[in-house]
């Protein structure tokens, strides 16, 4: 669970970075197809970038913060005795912050379960609607699209290749409403919504993902509105229809409906001038943004050598030899994070000067892989090497 939560944090930060720049640069542009492609790219790329195995020799600030969060999370999967011993070794302030991290982790996991349950319930509601509806035909609806009629439907909507309509709209506004919903079906907007909804369920506590969802829905409506107006429907008549539908209750959030999106935004987009083609160059922001996200998600890897004690005939350590030498441009490092000589922390440069009979013994307190130990600092992952000198 700890690994997933750390991954989710990286995912959330990456999505926030990419989407914030979209909102700043592209949201007001009239390139609806381009904006839709950018939003979908953000949804697809943001969970993938943290999985790319990019490493750095020195820890980034973001990596250090995540490592401090990782310690209390790892204690969730250890035994109570181990977790208790680990917390006892921390200062009171660190222990308290560790408890808060664990509580937040529990809330986050419970939130995912609740959000997925609600989403599943909405899908079941949609399935029940499909069973009780009657399929009908209409001259402008192709055969591969299913037009479903039900007396209880007050608001026309669509999902995948189904269009849902009530008897009132079928008699009064059939052509305009159906052209709007057909635009959603032909452009496969439902797949976008499914991808976005799943992202929202896993990142339910991130406001930016819900803002992204609303922007994506707005782009869908801009595209559908444009398709209707291109079919000869007058702008005035279409506005009146949208205003009338705005007072009705939305049926299911997972479906595309005529009243999705803010009417003020949709009216403004209908009357706005086309954006200049030069505005498309703003799309290039994705390149440096993805580069920053990759660098931010880079994980720390210490390229270190394995040191082996060299003893004399009496079994006393007289120095160290190394195997698996790193590349020449990397400095010699001990395979640990902290180095102590007689209970005094020293640098690696100081430690290499003690390759002599002055060293009586040495021990590694924490194993380099960190298994079975709490991780409070990125150095602790590599263990603690303690030298004992001759008195």
Protein backbone atom coordinates (compact mmCIF):
# COMPACT_ATOMS: atom_id res chain seq x y z
CA UNK A 1 0.00 0.00 0.00
CA UNK A 2 2.85 2.37 0.78
CA UNK A 3 4.25 1.97 -2.72
CA UNK A 4 0.88 2.75 -4.30
CA UNK A 5 0.33 5.86 -2.17
CA UNK A 6 3.78 7.21 -3.04
CA UNK A 7 3.02 6.51 -6.69
CA UNK A 8 -0.35 8.27 -6.37
CA UNK A 9 1.38 11.35 -4.94
CA UNK A 10 3.78 11.44 -7.88
CA UNK A 11 0.83 10.93 -10.24
CA UNK A 12 -1.12 13.78 -8.63
CA UNK A 13 1.81 16.23 -8.71
CA UNK A 14 2.54 15.40 -12.36
CA UNK A 15 -1.09 15.89 -13.37
CA UNK A 16 -1.25 19.18 -11.45
CA UNK A 17 1.84 20.50 -13.23
CA UNK A 18 0.66 19.58 -16.74
CA UNK A 19 -2.94 20.67 -16.22
CA UNK A 20 -2.08 24.00 -14.56
CA UNK A 21 -0.12 25.05 -17.62
CA UNK A 22 -2.96 23.94 -19.91
CA UNK A 23 -5.42 26.03 -17.93
CA UNK A 24 -3.09 29.01 -18.12
CA UNK A 25 -2.25 28.77 -21.84
CA UNK A 26 -4.89 26.84 -23.80
CA UNK A 27 -8.21 26.79 -21.97
CA UNK A 28 -9.63 29.90 -23.67
CA UNK A 29 -8.55 28.94 -27.18
CA UNK A 30 -11.16 27.81 -29.73
CA UNK A 31 -9.16 24.77 -30.89
CA UNK A 32 -11.60 22.31 -29.37
CA UNK A 33 -10.12 19.20 -30.97
CA UNK A 34 -6.62 20.24 -29.93
CA UNK A 35 -7.71 21.06 -26.38
CA UNK A 36 -9.44 17.71 -26.10
CA UNK A 37 -6.27 15.95 -27.30
CA UNK A 38 -4.16 17.86 -24.76
CA UNK A 39 -6.47 16.99 -21.86
CA UNK A 40 -6.51 13.32 -22.85
CA UNK A 41 -2.73 13.39 -23.16
CA UNK A 42 -2.49 14.74 -19.62
CA UNK A 43 -4.77 11.98 -18.36
CA UNK A 44 -2.70 9.29 -20.08
CA UNK A 45 0.79 10.66 -19.53
CA UNK A 46 0.50 11.75 -15.89
CA UNK A 47 0.18 8.18 -14.50
CA UNK A 48 2.90 6.89 -16.83
CA UNK A 49 5.68 9.43 -16.17
CA UNK A 50 6.25 8.32 -12.54
CA UNK A 51 6.81 4.77 -13.82
CA UNK A 52 9.70 5.74 -16.09
CA UNK A 53 12.93 4.45 -14.45
CA UNK A 54 14.80 7.75 -14.39
CA UNK A 55 17.46 7.97 -11.67
CA UNK A 56 19.59 10.68 -10.18
CA UNK A 57 22.73 10.55 -8.06
CA UNK A 58 21.59 13.29 -5.71
CA UNK A 59 18.12 13.31 -4.13
CA UNK A 60 15.68 15.96 -5.33
CA UNK A 61 13.65 17.97 -2.84
CA UNK A 62 10.50 16.18 -3.99
CA UNK A 63 12.14 12.78 -3.50
CA UNK A 64 13.27 13.70 0.02
CA UNK A 65 9.74 14.78 0.96
CA UNK A 66 8.30 11.52 -0.39
CA UNK A 67 10.90 9.49 1.47
CA UNK A 68 9.93 11.13 4.77
CA UNK A 69 6.32 10.23 4.04
CA UNK A 70 7.30 6.70 3.07
CA UNK A 71 8.61 5.76 6.52
CA UNK A 72 5.29 5.93 8.40
CA UNK A 73 3.54 4.29 5.44
CA UNK A 74 5.90 1.32 5.46
CA UNK A 75 5.11 0.74 9.11
CA UNK A 76 1.54 -0.07 8.03
CA UNK A 77 2.74 -3.34 6.53
CA UNK A 78 5.07 -4.31 9.38
CA UNK A 79 4.22 -5.98 12.62
CA UNK A 80 3.03 -3.90 15.55
CA UNK A 81 6.23 -4.61 17.49
CA UNK A 82 8.44 -3.45 14.65
CA UNK A 83 6.28 -0.38 14.05
CA UNK A 84 6.29 0.40 17.77
CA UNK A 85 10.08 0.10 18.00
CA UNK A 86 10.49 2.29 14.95
CA UNK A 87 8.26 5.00 16.33
CA UNK A 88 9.96 4.82 19.70
CA UNK A 89 13.27 5.70 18.08
CA UNK A 90 11.87 8.88 16.56
CA UNK A 91 11.49 12.16 18.29
CA UNK A 92 8.02 13.05 19.53
CA UNK A 93 7.45 15.52 16.72
CA UNK A 94 8.40 13.02 14.03
CA UNK A 95 6.29 10.32 15.66
CA UNK A 96 3.26 12.61 15.71
CA UNK A 97 3.74 13.57 12.06
CA UNK A 98 4.14 9.90 11.20
CA UNK A 99 0.78 9.12 12.79
CA UNK A 100 -0.87 11.88 10.76
CA UNK A 101 0.63 10.45 7.58
CA UNK A 102 -0.80 7.05 8.39
CA UNK A 103 -4.23 8.47 9.23
CA UNK A 104 -4.27 10.38 5.93
CA UNK A 105 -3.30 7.18 4.13
CA UNK A 106 -6.26 5.33 5.67
CA UNK A 107 -8.63 8.16 4.70
CA UNK A 108 -7.28 8.19 1.14
CA UNK A 109 -7.74 4.43 0.66
CA UNK A 110 -11.25 4.55 2.14
CA UNK A 111 -12.04 7.48 -0.15
CA UNK A 112 -11.01 5.46 -3.21
CA UNK A 113 -13.25 2.59 -2.14
CA UNK A 114 -16.22 4.93 -1.61
CA UNK A 115 -15.65 6.76 -4.91
CA UNK A 116 -15.42 3.51 -6.89
CA UNK A 117 -18.55 2.21 -5.17
CA UNK A 118 -20.51 5.34 -6.13
CA UNK A 119 -19.26 5.06 -9.71
CA UNK A 120 -20.29 1.40 -9.87
CA UNK A 121 -23.73 2.31 -8.53
CA UNK A 122 -24.13 4.88 -11.33
CA UNK A 123 -23.19 2.27 -13.93
CA UNK A 124 -25.80 -0.10 -12.48
CA UNK A 125 -28.38 2.69 -12.63
CA UNK A 126 -27.52 3.19 -16.28
CA UNK A 127 -27.89 -0.54 -16.91
CA UNK A 128 -31.36 -0.50 -15.33
CA UNK A 129 -32.30 2.45 -17.54
CA UNK A 130 -31.24 0.51 -20.65
CA UNK A 131 -33.40 -2.45 -19.67
CA UNK A 132 -36.58 -0.43 -19.22
CA UNK A 133 -36.19 1.78 -22.31
CA UNK A 134 -37.79 1.05 -25.67
CA UNK A 135 -35.67 1.28 -28.79
CA UNK A 136 -37.15 3.43 -31.52
CA UNK A 137 -35.99 4.79 -34.86
CA UNK A 138 -35.63 8.28 -36.30
CA UNK A 139 -34.67 9.43 -39.81
CA UNK A 140 -31.50 11.23 -38.74
CA UNK A 141 -30.28 8.50 -36.37
CA UNK A 142 -28.13 5.83 -38.11
CA UNK A 143 -28.76 2.15 -37.45
CA UNK A 144 -25.55 1.65 -35.48
CA UNK A 145 -26.78 4.18 -32.89
CA UNK A 146 -29.53 2.99 -30.54
CA UNK A 147 -32.23 5.58 -29.83
CA UNK A 148 -33.91 4.73 -26.51
CA UNK A 149 -37.26 6.16 -25.40
CA UNK A 150 -38.66 6.21 -21.88
CA UNK A 151 -41.56 8.19 -20.38
CA UNK A 152 -39.49 9.09 -17.28
CA UNK A 153 -36.60 10.71 -19.18
CA UNK A 154 -36.85 14.48 -18.88
CA UNK A 155 -33.42 15.33 -20.21
CA UNK A 156 -31.90 13.92 -23.41
CA UNK A 157 -28.50 12.30 -22.97
CA UNK A 158 -26.12 9.82 -24.53
CA UNK A 159 -23.60 7.19 -23.50
CA UNK A 160 -21.46 5.15 -25.87
CA UNK A 161 -23.77 4.34 -28.84
CA UNK A 162 -27.04 4.87 -26.93
CA UNK A 163 -29.09 8.06 -27.05
CA UNK A 164 -31.78 8.51 -24.38
CA UNK A 165 -34.74 10.79 -25.04
CA UNK A 166 -38.13 11.48 -23.52
CA UNK A 167 -41.46 11.86 -25.34
CA UNK A 168 -41.57 15.66 -24.93
CA UNK A 169 -38.19 16.23 -26.59
CA UNK A 170 -39.02 13.68 -29.27
CA UNK A 171 -42.06 15.76 -30.29
CA UNK A 172 -40.78 19.31 -29.81
CA UNK A 173 -36.98 19.44 -30.29
CA UNK A 174 -36.12 16.09 -31.83
CA UNK A 175 -33.84 17.16 -34.66
CA UNK A 176 -31.75 19.67 -32.69
CA UNK A 177 -31.46 17.44 -29.62
CA UNK A 178 -30.58 14.35 -31.63
CA UNK A 179 -27.93 16.17 -33.67
CA UNK A 180 -26.35 17.32 -30.42
CA UNK A 181 -26.29 13.83 -28.93
CA UNK A 182 -25.16 12.28 -32.21
CA UNK A 183 -22.14 14.57 -32.11
CA UNK A 184 -21.23 13.13 -28.71
CA UNK A 185 -21.66 9.58 -29.99
CA UNK A 186 -19.68 10.07 -33.21
CA UNK A 187 -16.79 11.78 -31.42
CA UNK A 188 -16.72 8.99 -28.78
CA UNK A 189 -16.87 11.40 -25.87
CA UNK A 190 -18.02 8.65 -23.51
CA UNK A 191 -14.59 7.03 -23.62
CA UNK A 192 -13.02 10.33 -22.54
CA UNK A 193 -15.44 10.57 -19.63
CA UNK A 194 -14.72 7.01 -18.50
CA UNK A 195 -10.97 7.62 -18.47
CA UNK A 196 -11.41 10.91 -16.63
CA UNK A 197 -13.89 9.44 -14.13
CA UNK A 198 -11.51 6.61 -13.21
CA UNK A 199 -8.72 9.13 -12.71
CA UNK A 200 -11.02 11.20 -10.51
CA UNK A 201 -11.80 8.15 -8.38
CA UNK A 202 -8.14 7.36 -7.70
CA UNK A 203 -7.20 11.02 -7.17
CA UNK A 204 -10.48 12.02 -5.52
CA UNK A 205 -8.78 14.37 -3.05
CA UNK A 206 -7.03 16.41 -5.77
CA UNK A 207 -9.07 19.49 -6.81
CA UNK A 208 -7.18 19.85 -10.10
CA UNK A 209 -8.42 16.52 -11.43
CA UNK A 210 -12.03 17.59 -10.93
CA UNK A 211 -11.27 20.90 -12.64
CA UNK A 212 -9.75 18.94 -15.52
CA UNK A 213 -12.91 16.85 -15.77
CA UNK A 214 -15.07 19.96 -16.00
CA UNK A 215 -12.82 21.43 -18.68
CA UNK A 216 -13.02 18.18 -20.66
CA UNK A 217 -16.82 18.17 -20.41
CA UNK A 218 -16.87 21.81 -21.55
CA UNK A 219 -14.75 20.94 -24.59
CA UNK A 220 -17.16 18.10 -25.40
CA UNK A 221 -20.07 20.54 -25.31
CA UNK A 222 -18.21 23.09 -27.43
CA UNK A 223 -17.66 20.41 -30.07
CA UNK A 224 -21.29 19.25 -29.96
CA UNK A 225 -22.59 22.85 -30.11
CA UNK A 226 -20.38 23.54 -33.11
CA UNK A 227 -21.67 20.41 -34.86
CA UNK A 228 -25.30 21.47 -34.31
CA UNK A 229 -24.76 25.02 -35.58
CA UNK A 230 -23.00 23.73 -38.67
CA UNK A 231 -26.17 21.77 -39.53
CA UNK A 232 -28.15 24.97 -40.07
CA UNK A 233 -29.73 25.47 -36.64
CA UNK A 234 -29.89 29.19 -35.88
CA UNK A 235 -27.89 30.46 -32.95
CA UNK A 236 -30.91 32.19 -31.39
CA UNK A 237 -33.10 29.08 -31.44
CA UNK A 238 -30.29 26.96 -30.06
CA UNK A 239 -29.68 29.40 -27.21
CA UNK A 240 -33.38 29.32 -26.26
CA UNK A 241 -33.30 25.52 -26.20
CA UNK A 242 -30.23 25.47 -23.95
CA UNK A 243 -31.79 27.95 -21.53
CA UNK A 244 -34.97 25.86 -21.29
CA UNK A 245 -32.96 22.71 -20.63
CA UNK A 246 -30.79 24.41 -18.03
CA UNK A 247 -33.62 24.38 -15.47
CA UNK A 248 -34.05 20.60 -15.68
CA UNK A 249 -32.35 18.12 -13.39
CA UNK A 250 -29.30 16.31 -14.71
CA UNK A 251 -29.85 12.57 -14.93
CA UNK A 252 -26.50 10.86 -14.53
CA UNK A 253 -23.10 12.60 -14.29
CA UNK A 254 -21.42 9.80 -16.24
CA UNK A 255 -23.53 10.54 -19.34
CA UNK A 256 -23.30 13.29 -21.96
CA UNK A 257 -26.30 15.62 -21.73
CA UNK A 258 -27.54 18.72 -23.49
CA UNK A 259 -27.06 20.89 -20.42
CA UNK A 260 -23.57 19.73 -19.48
CA UNK A 261 -21.11 22.58 -19.05
CA UNK A 262 -21.67 26.18 -17.98
CA UNK A 263 -24.06 27.99 -20.31
CA UNK A 264 -22.13 31.24 -19.94
CA UNK A 265 -18.98 29.56 -21.25
CA UNK A 266 -20.85 27.90 -24.09
CA UNK A 267 -22.53 31.12 -25.20
CA UNK A 268 -19.24 32.98 -25.00
CA UNK A 269 -17.54 30.32 -27.11
CA UNK A 270 -20.32 30.44 -29.74
CA UNK A 271 -19.84 34.20 -30.18
CA UNK A 272 -16.05 34.24 -29.89
CA UNK A 273 -13.72 34.69 -32.84
CA UNK A 274 -11.53 31.82 -33.97
CA UNK A 275 -8.13 31.73 -32.31
CA UNK A 276 -5.09 32.55 -34.39
CA UNK A 277 -3.14 29.61 -35.76
CA UNK A 278 -0.10 31.00 -33.97
CA UNK A 279 -1.85 30.12 -30.72
CA UNK A 280 -1.25 26.46 -31.53
CA UNK A 281 2.40 27.05 -30.67
CA UNK A 282 1.33 27.17 -27.03
CA UNK A 283 1.05 23.41 -27.29
CA UNK A 284 4.84 23.26 -27.14
CA UNK A 285 4.58 23.89 -23.41
CA UNK A 286 4.09 20.13 -23.04
CA UNK A 287 7.72 19.42 -23.95
CA UNK A 288 9.44 21.33 -21.11
CA UNK A 289 6.58 20.45 -18.75
CA UNK A 290 7.08 16.73 -19.34
CA UNK A 291 10.84 17.23 -18.91
CA UNK A 292 10.28 18.94 -15.56
CA UNK A 293 7.90 16.17 -14.51
CA UNK A 294 10.47 13.51 -15.40
CA UNK A 295 13.20 15.29 -13.46
CA UNK A 296 10.87 15.79 -10.51
CA UNK A 297 9.96 12.09 -10.42
CA UNK A 298 13.55 10.90 -10.75
CA UNK A 299 14.41 8.49 -7.96
CA UNK A 300 17.64 8.62 -6.02
CA UNK A 301 20.11 5.82 -6.68
CA UNK A 302 23.48 5.81 -4.99
CA UNK A 303 26.10 4.31 -7.29
CA UNK A 304 28.21 2.74 -4.60
CA UNK A 305 30.82 0.03 -4.31
CA UNK A 306 30.66 -2.99 -2.05
CA UNK A 307 33.38 -2.83 0.59
CA UNK A 308 34.90 -5.96 2.06
CA UNK A 309 37.01 -5.99 5.18
CA UNK A 310 40.69 -6.94 4.74
CA UNK A 311 42.06 -8.67 7.84
CA UNK A 312 45.54 -9.70 8.91
CA UNK A 313 46.59 -13.13 10.19
CA UNK A 314 45.11 -12.34 13.59
CA UNK A 315 41.66 -11.51 12.16
CA UNK A 316 42.00 -7.78 12.73
CA UNK A 317 40.61 -5.38 10.11
CA UNK A 318 43.42 -3.49 8.46
CA UNK A 319 41.51 -1.90 5.55
CA UNK A 320 38.91 -2.40 2.86
CA UNK A 321 38.87 -3.67 -0.69
CA UNK A 322 36.12 -2.97 -3.20
CA UNK A 323 34.35 -4.86 -5.95
CA UNK A 324 31.99 -3.63 -8.62
CA UNK A 325 33.77 -0.33 -9.16
CA UNK A 326 31.55 2.47 -10.49
CA UNK A 327 32.31 4.45 -13.61
CA UNK A 328 35.40 6.72 -13.38
CA UNK A 329 33.32 9.90 -13.21
CA UNK A 330 31.63 8.75 -9.98
CA UNK A 331 33.38 9.22 -6.63
CA UNK A 332 34.16 6.34 -4.30
CA UNK A 333 31.34 5.91 -1.80
CA UNK A 334 30.66 3.71 1.17
CA UNK A 335 27.51 1.59 0.72
CA UNK A 336 25.73 3.46 3.53
CA UNK A 337 24.02 6.75 4.21
CA UNK A 338 25.47 7.65 7.59
CA UNK A 339 29.03 6.93 8.75
CA UNK A 340 30.00 7.06 12.41
CA UNK A 341 33.47 6.70 13.93
CA UNK A 342 33.31 6.15 17.67
CA UNK A 343 29.78 7.63 17.80
CA UNK A 344 30.78 10.73 15.82
CA UNK A 345 29.26 11.26 12.37
CA UNK A 346 31.89 11.80 9.71
CA UNK A 347 31.93 12.39 5.99
CA UNK A 348 32.97 9.76 3.49
CA UNK A 349 36.15 11.71 2.82
CA UNK A 350 37.10 11.40 6.47
CA UNK A 351 36.17 7.74 6.62
CA UNK A 352 38.49 6.66 3.80
CA UNK A 353 41.45 7.97 5.80
CA UNK A 354 40.93 5.26 8.44
CA UNK A 355 42.13 2.35 6.30
CA UNK A 356 44.69 1.26 8.87
CA UNK A 357 45.22 -0.66 12.09
CA UNK A 358 43.31 2.10 13.86
CA UNK A 359 40.09 0.31 12.90
CA UNK A 360 39.25 -2.46 15.32
CA UNK A 361 35.88 -3.43 13.82
CA UNK A 362 32.93 -2.10 11.90
CA UNK A 363 29.26 -2.98 11.50
CA UNK A 364 26.31 -1.96 9.35
CA UNK A 365 23.34 -1.17 11.57
CA UNK A 366 20.71 -1.11 8.81
CA UNK A 367 20.92 -3.27 5.74
CA UNK A 368 21.35 -1.30 2.50
CA UNK A 369 18.06 -2.57 1.08
CA UNK A 370 16.21 -1.27 4.12
CA UNK A 371 14.07 -4.39 4.55
CA UNK A 372 12.44 -4.69 7.91
CA UNK A 373 13.41 -1.19 8.96
CA UNK A 374 11.53 2.08 9.01
CA UNK A 375 12.68 4.68 6.49
CA UNK A 376 12.60 8.20 7.88
CA UNK A 377 15.33 9.73 5.71
CA UNK A 378 16.68 8.89 2.29
CA UNK A 379 20.10 8.10 3.83
CA UNK A 380 18.60 5.50 6.13
CA UNK A 381 17.72 3.43 3.08
CA UNK A 382 21.43 2.73 2.65
CA UNK A 383 22.12 1.85 6.28
CA UNK A 384 24.47 3.17 8.96
CA UNK A 385 28.14 2.15 9.02
CA UNK A 386 29.80 2.33 12.43
CA UNK A 387 33.59 2.17 12.85
CA UNK A 388 35.17 1.28 16.17
CA UNK A 389 38.75 2.53 16.57
CA UNK A 390 41.60 1.29 18.71
CA UNK A 391 41.79 3.12 22.02
